[in-house]
Amino acid sequence: MALSYKARRRWSLVILLIWLPFYVIVAATVMTAIPRLPMLIELLIYLVLGVAWVIPFKFIFKGVGKEDPDA
């Protein structure tokens, strides 16, 4: 079932305002709980975590910045 343009816009707001701050807090907590790693490995982990949150939501964000195609 495909989401309408309005539904995708609303879900993208929910994701950005609720899910993303929650994800950042969890990722930072996990990274502080593990022992200190070498700087380059830690940077790589932060880069992967910074991109990984959007992969499951890619279909929601696709085309949201454009005008409504149904209008």
C-alpha atoms as a PDB file:
ATOM      1  CA  MET A   1       0.000   0.000   0.000  1.00  0.00           C
ATOM      2  CA  ALA A   2       1.543   3.279  -1.123  1.00  0.00           C
ATOM      3  CA  LEU A   3       1.380   6.343   1.097  1.00  0.00           C
ATOM      4  CA  SER A   4      -0.113   9.543  -0.230  1.00  0.00           C
ATOM      5  CA  TYR A   5       1.997  12.679  -0.531  1.00  0.00           C
ATOM      6  CA  LYS A   6       0.375  14.256   2.552  1.00  0.00           C
ATOM      7  CA  ALA A   7       0.882  11.097   4.589  1.00  0.00           C
ATOM      8  CA  ARG A   8       4.559  10.924   3.596  1.00  0.00           C
ATOM      9  CA  ARG A   9       5.026  14.579   4.599  1.00  0.00           C
ATOM     10  CA  ARG A  10       3.407  13.963   7.982  1.00  0.00           C
ATOM     11  CA  TRP A  11       5.420  10.812   8.608  1.00  0.00           C
ATOM     12  CA  SER A  12       8.623  12.579   7.639  1.00  0.00           C
ATOM     13  CA  LEU A  13       7.889  15.242  10.264  1.00  0.00           C
ATOM     14  CA  VAL A  14       7.220  12.589  12.903  1.00  0.00           C
ATOM     15  CA  ILE A  15      10.440  10.827  12.001  1.00  0.00           C
ATOM     16  CA  LEU A  16      12.516  14.003  12.096  1.00  0.00           C
ATOM     17  CA  LEU A  17      10.992  15.429  15.281  1.00  0.00           C
ATOM     18  CA  ILE A  18      10.547  12.267  17.367  1.00  0.00           C
ATOM     19  CA  TRP A  19      12.535   9.336  15.966  1.00  0.00           C
ATOM     20  CA  LEU A  20      15.756  11.173  15.080  1.00  0.00           C
ATOM     21  CA  PRO A  21      16.361  12.763  18.534  1.00  0.00           C
ATOM     22  CA  PHE A  22      15.570   9.408  20.155  1.00  0.00           C
ATOM     23  CA  TYR A  23      17.992   7.666  17.793  1.00  0.00           C
ATOM     24  CA  VAL A  24      20.739  10.201  18.510  1.00  0.00           C
ATOM     25  CA  ILE A  25      20.356   9.706  22.262  1.00  0.00           C
ATOM     26  CA  VAL A  26      20.444   5.912  21.921  1.00  0.00           C
ATOM     27  CA  ALA A  27      23.454   5.983  19.575  1.00  0.00           C
ATOM     28  CA  ALA A  28      25.376   8.345  21.869  1.00  0.00           C
ATOM     29  CA  THR A  29      24.526   6.218  24.907  1.00  0.00           C
ATOM     30  CA  VAL A  30      25.716   3.056  23.178  1.00  0.00           C
ATOM     31  CA  MET A  31      28.932   4.744  22.029  1.00  0.00           C
ATOM     32  CA  THR A  32      29.714   5.967  25.551  1.00  0.00           C
ATOM     33  CA  ALA A  33      28.962   2.542  27.060  1.00  0.00           C
ATOM     34  CA  ILE A  34      31.615   0.751  25.028  1.00  0.00           C
ATOM     35  CA  PRO A  35      35.295   1.230  25.864  1.00  0.00           C
ATOM     36  CA  ARG A  36      37.192   3.921  23.993  1.00  0.00           C
ATOM     37  CA  LEU A  37      38.193   2.841  20.468  1.00  0.00           C
ATOM     38  CA  PRO A  38      40.896   4.261  18.209  1.00  0.00           C
ATOM     39  CA  MET A  39      39.851   7.605  16.771  1.00  0.00           C
ATOM     40  CA  LEU A  40      39.451   6.499  13.130  1.00  0.00           C
ATOM     41  CA  ILE A  41      37.340   3.467  14.046  1.00  0.00           C
ATOM     42  CA  GLU A  42      35.159   5.602  16.287  1.00  0.00           C
ATOM     43  CA  LEU A  43      34.741   8.170  13.500  1.00  0.00           C
ATOM     44  CA  LEU A  44      33.761   5.406  11.079  1.00  0.00           C
ATOM     45  CA  ILE A  45      31.165   4.077  13.534  1.00  0.00           C
ATOM     46  CA  TYR A  46      29.685   7.566  13.981  1.00  0.00           C
ATOM     47  CA  LEU A  47      29.515   8.014  10.203  1.00  0.00           C
ATOM     48  CA  VAL A  48      27.743   4.682   9.768  1.00  0.00           C
ATOM     49  CA  LEU A  49      25.319   5.465  12.593  1.00  0.00           C
ATOM     50  CA  GLY A  50      24.688   8.905  11.113  1.00  0.00           C
ATOM     51  CA  VAL A  51      23.556   7.439   7.803  1.00  0.00           C
ATOM     52  CA  ALA A  52      21.980   4.181   9.008  1.00  0.00           C
ATOM     53  CA  TRP A  53      18.903   5.798  10.561  1.00  0.00           C
ATOM     54  CA  VAL A  54      17.530   6.997   7.221  1.00  0.00           C
ATOM     55  CA  ILE A  55      17.849   3.749   5.243  1.00  0.00           C
ATOM     56  CA  PRO A  56      14.591   2.187   6.528  1.00  0.00           C
ATOM     57  CA  PHE A  57      12.740   5.480   5.903  1.00  0.00           C
ATOM     58  CA  LYS A  58      14.084   6.179   2.413  1.00  0.00           C
ATOM     59  CA  PHE A  59      10.711   5.574   0.735  1.00  0.00           C
ATOM     60  CA  ILE A  60       9.024   8.126   3.003  1.00  0.00           C
ATOM     61  CA  PHE A  61      11.472  10.942   2.282  1.00  0.00           C
ATOM     62  CA  LYS A  62      11.529  10.369  -1.481  1.00  0.00           C
ATOM     63  CA  GLY A  63       9.916  13.344  -3.228  1.00  0.00           C
ATOM     64  CA  VAL A  64       8.737  15.110  -0.054  1.00  0.00           C
ATOM     65  CA  GLY A  65      10.593  18.327  -0.915  1.00  0.00           C
ATOM     66  CA  LYS A  66       8.840  18.643  -4.263  1.00  0.00           C
ATOM     67  CA  GLU A  67       5.375  19.961  -5.007  1.00  0.00           C
ATOM     68  CA  ASP A  68       2.366  17.715  -4.541  1.00  0.00           C
ATOM     69  CA  PRO A  69       2.176  15.488  -7.644  1.00  0.00           C
ATOM     70  CA  ASP A  70      -1.593  15.045  -7.181  1.00  0.00           C
ATOM     71  CA  ALA A  71      -2.324  18.800  -7.218  1.00  0.00           C
END
